[in-house]
Amino acid sequence: MAFPGDVYSSKCSARDALALISGKWVMLILPALAARPMRNGELLRRIEGISQKVLTQTLRQLERSGLIERLDFSERKAAHVEYRLTAVAHSLVDTLVALDKWAEHHFPELDAARERYDAEK
């Protein structure tokens, strides 16, 4: 029998999953990979502001957690590595894309609220 998840319990590893997927870069990397597998350099160009070091660390975390797969094409003439989403990550992407779209739609309101708050303090 599987343990029922309870994110409010300190003993539930679902919290680890939430901590992972709520990371700024994860919320950008997974939707970027939704359309197709990508190479490291493609991801670096697509996600402005991420460093190579942070991208590599985040990709390793995602691979370790079973959200992406690292595909090594070293036997080909043009050797390279690509990353693609796993089935479990595909089940998450629609939610992340919805959050991205929400942020794109509401950022002016959030910016204005922060400006008002900061002006009062």
Foldseek 3Di string as FASTA:
>chain_A
DDDDADCVDPPGCVVVVVVLCVDPVNLVVLLVQLVHWDFLVVSPVVDPPDDSVNSVVSLVVCVVVQQKDWAWPCVDPPTGIIIHGDPVSNVVNVVSVVVVVVCVVCVVVVVVVVVVVVVVD
